[in-house]
Amino acid sequence: MIDFLQIGRSGELLTAYFLESFGVQTALVHMGCTDILAIHKNYYVRIQVKSREQACHNRYDFFIAKGGKKVRLSIMDCDILALVGLPHRQVYFMHILDMTDAKHKRINCARFSDDDLARSTWDRALNKLENCNASMGSRDALDIALRFKNVIVPPNVVGTS
């Protein structure tokens, strides 16, 4: 049986695989609530990955919270959630602001059968992120990098897209 750390790591690697296949540069960082740092149009995108090894009642139940008191994640924690259904080898991306006040996100397994799921949900999450950035004022990579000053990002991740 696979342990929780292996389940999480598998989800992170699958998420990074999809992003890299879309031409997005990534780095696994494990800083706070950020598991993956991606670069899109000179912006750092903070991604929190939640993985499930099995479904229950034909759905995946993702617990979207942090800390001992299980506080709901917010825009201060990450930009995008990557919800990984490992049996389907598929990723469902969503902007963190699309989460309601609930700490759970339940997704029917049938959604994970869509071969284009990762691409279509990534595009939708990025669109929302870009719209939010435009309304909140521009965040460039340097602003976000200050939060990750102790992160060593591999050279292939730094650059323009």
Protein backbone atom coordinates (compact mmCIF):
# COMPACT_ATOMS: atom_id res chain seq x y z
CA MET A 1 0.00 0.00 0.00
CA ILE A 2 1.17 3.49 -0.87
CA ASP A 3 1.53 5.99 2.00
CA PHE A 4 0.17 9.56 2.13
CA LEU A 5 3.53 11.13 1.27
CA GLN A 6 3.83 8.95 -1.82
CA ILE A 7 0.26 9.80 -2.85
CA GLY A 8 1.02 13.52 -2.50
CA ARG A 9 4.32 13.27 -4.34
CA SER A 10 2.71 11.27 -7.15
CA GLY A 11 0.07 13.97 -7.56
CA GLU A 12 2.68 16.72 -7.63
CA LEU A 13 4.73 14.91 -10.26
CA LEU A 14 1.66 14.24 -12.42
CA THR A 15 0.64 17.90 -12.13
CA ALA A 16 4.14 19.06 -13.08
CA TYR A 17 4.12 16.63 -16.02
CA PHE A 18 0.89 18.11 -17.39
CA LEU A 19 2.08 21.69 -16.92
CA GLU A 20 5.44 20.99 -18.57
CA SER A 21 3.61 19.31 -21.48
CA PHE A 22 1.64 22.58 -21.88
CA GLY A 23 4.94 24.48 -22.09
CA VAL A 24 4.72 25.86 -18.54
CA GLN A 25 7.97 25.90 -16.58
CA THR A 26 7.64 24.41 -13.09
CA ALA A 27 9.57 23.82 -9.89
CA LEU A 28 8.51 21.66 -6.93
CA VAL A 29 9.02 24.00 -3.97
CA HIS A 30 7.02 22.85 -0.91
CA MET A 31 6.87 26.29 0.66
CA GLY A 32 3.91 26.86 2.94
CA CYS A 33 0.82 25.92 0.96
CA THR A 34 2.63 26.08 -2.37
CA ASP A 35 3.70 22.72 -3.78
CA ILE A 36 4.54 23.85 -7.31
CA LEU A 37 5.74 27.20 -8.56
CA ALA A 38 4.94 27.72 -12.25
CA ILE A 39 5.84 30.59 -14.54
CA HIS A 40 3.19 32.01 -16.86
CA LYS A 41 3.82 35.25 -18.78
CA ASN A 42 6.55 36.29 -16.32
CA TYR A 43 4.27 35.67 -13.32
CA TYR A 44 4.84 33.09 -10.65
CA VAL A 45 1.74 30.98 -10.19
CA ARG A 46 1.49 29.28 -6.76
CA ILE A 47 -0.11 25.85 -7.01
CA GLN A 48 -1.39 23.68 -4.15
CA VAL A 49 -1.80 20.02 -5.11
CA LYS A 50 -4.39 17.74 -3.51
CA SER A 51 -4.30 14.08 -4.54
CA ARG A 52 -6.59 11.13 -4.05
CA GLU A 53 -5.63 7.51 -4.56
CA GLN A 54 -9.20 6.23 -4.63
CA ALA A 55 -12.73 7.45 -5.04
CA CYS A 56 -15.68 6.91 -2.72
CA HIS A 57 -19.26 6.68 -4.01
CA ASN A 58 -17.98 7.36 -7.55
CA ARG A 59 -16.46 10.71 -6.61
CA TYR A 60 -13.22 12.17 -5.34
CA ASP A 61 -13.46 14.14 -2.10
CA PHE A 62 -10.66 16.69 -1.80
CA PHE A 63 -10.05 18.33 1.58
CA ILE A 64 -9.00 21.94 0.91
CA ALA A 65 -7.61 23.19 4.22
CA LYS A 66 -4.36 23.77 6.10
CA GLY A 67 -2.94 23.57 9.60
CA GLY A 68 -3.96 21.79 12.77
CA LYS A 69 -7.24 23.69 12.97
CA LYS A 70 -7.89 22.97 9.28
CA VAL A 71 -8.40 26.52 8.08
CA ARG A 72 -9.74 26.91 4.54
CA LEU A 73 -7.13 27.88 1.94
CA SER A 74 -7.31 31.42 0.57
CA ILE A 75 -5.71 33.61 -2.09
CA MET A 76 -2.98 34.38 0.46
CA ASP A 77 -1.97 30.69 0.38
CA CYS A 78 -2.03 29.83 -3.32
CA ASP A 79 -3.40 30.91 -6.69
CA ILE A 80 -4.51 27.63 -8.20
CA LEU A 81 -5.54 24.25 -6.83
CA ALA A 82 -4.56 21.09 -8.68
CA LEU A 83 -6.96 18.28 -7.75
CA VAL A 84 -5.47 14.97 -8.83
CA GLY A 85 -7.39 11.73 -9.33
CA LEU A 86 -4.51 9.25 -9.42
CA PRO A 87 -6.52 6.23 -10.69
CA HIS A 88 -7.61 8.32 -13.69
CA ARG A 89 -4.17 9.93 -14.04
CA GLN A 90 -5.86 13.27 -14.52
CA VAL A 91 -5.71 16.77 -12.98
CA TYR A 92 -8.54 19.23 -12.39
CA PHE A 93 -7.24 22.79 -11.98
CA MET A 94 -9.26 25.54 -10.34
CA HIS A 95 -8.60 29.08 -9.19
CA ILE A 96 -8.60 29.33 -5.39
CA LEU A 97 -11.34 31.98 -5.51
CA ASP A 98 -13.64 29.40 -7.11
CA MET A 99 -13.70 27.59 -3.77
CA THR A 100 -16.72 28.46 -1.69
CA ASP A 101 -16.59 28.63 2.10
CA ALA A 102 -16.54 24.83 2.15
CA LYS A 103 -13.36 22.94 3.01
CA HIS A 104 -14.23 20.09 0.65
CA LYS A 105 -14.45 19.88 -3.11
CA ARG A 106 -16.26 16.82 -4.41
CA ILE A 107 -15.90 15.92 -8.08
CA ASN A 108 -17.63 13.05 -9.85
CA CYS A 109 -15.20 10.50 -11.27
CA ALA A 110 -16.82 10.85 -14.70
CA ARG A 111 -15.21 14.32 -14.99
CA PHE A 112 -11.78 12.71 -14.69
CA SER A 113 -12.45 10.54 -17.75
CA ASP A 114 -12.16 13.59 -20.02
CA ASP A 115 -8.78 13.43 -21.80
CA ASP A 116 -8.78 17.24 -22.14
CA LEU A 117 -9.63 17.91 -18.47
CA ALA A 118 -6.20 19.19 -17.39
CA ARG A 119 -5.79 21.49 -20.38
CA SER A 120 -9.29 22.98 -20.28
CA THR A 121 -9.33 23.53 -16.52
CA TRP A 122 -5.78 24.96 -16.56
CA ASP A 123 -6.82 27.48 -19.22
CA ARG A 124 -9.93 28.44 -17.24
CA ALA A 125 -7.97 28.84 -13.97
CA LEU A 126 -5.33 30.97 -15.72
CA ASN A 127 -8.01 33.15 -17.28
CA LYS A 128 -9.50 33.80 -13.85
CA LEU A 129 -6.03 34.46 -12.41
CA GLU A 130 -5.26 36.99 -15.15
CA ASN A 131 -8.61 38.73 -14.61
CA CYS A 132 -8.00 38.88 -10.85
CA ASN A 133 -4.49 40.24 -11.35
CA ALA A 134 -5.83 42.93 -13.66
CA SER A 135 -8.41 44.00 -11.10
CA MET A 136 -6.05 43.81 -8.08
CA GLY A 137 -3.10 45.45 -9.79
CA SER A 138 -0.26 43.69 -11.54
CA ARG A 139 1.86 41.19 -9.62
CA ASP A 140 5.14 40.57 -11.32
CA ALA A 141 7.46 37.68 -10.68
CA LEU A 142 9.71 39.79 -8.44
CA ASP A 143 6.83 40.65 -6.06
CA ILE A 144 5.94 36.98 -5.62
CA ALA A 145 9.59 35.92 -5.48
CA LEU A 146 10.03 37.95 -2.29
CA ARG A 147 7.75 35.47 -0.52
CA PHE A 148 9.96 32.65 -1.75
CA LYS A 149 13.36 34.19 -1.11
CA ASN A 150 14.72 30.94 0.35
CA VAL A 151 13.58 28.87 -2.63
CA ILE A 152 16.23 27.78 -5.06
CA VAL A 153 14.54 27.69 -8.46
CA PRO A 154 16.37 25.62 -11.08
CA PRO A 155 17.88 27.74 -13.88
CA ASN A 156 15.52 26.26 -16.49
CA VAL A 157 12.57 27.76 -14.60
CA VAL A 158 13.78 31.36 -14.72
CA GLY A 159 13.15 33.21 -17.93
CA THR A 160 10.41 34.54 -20.15
CA SER A 161 7.52 32.70 -21.70
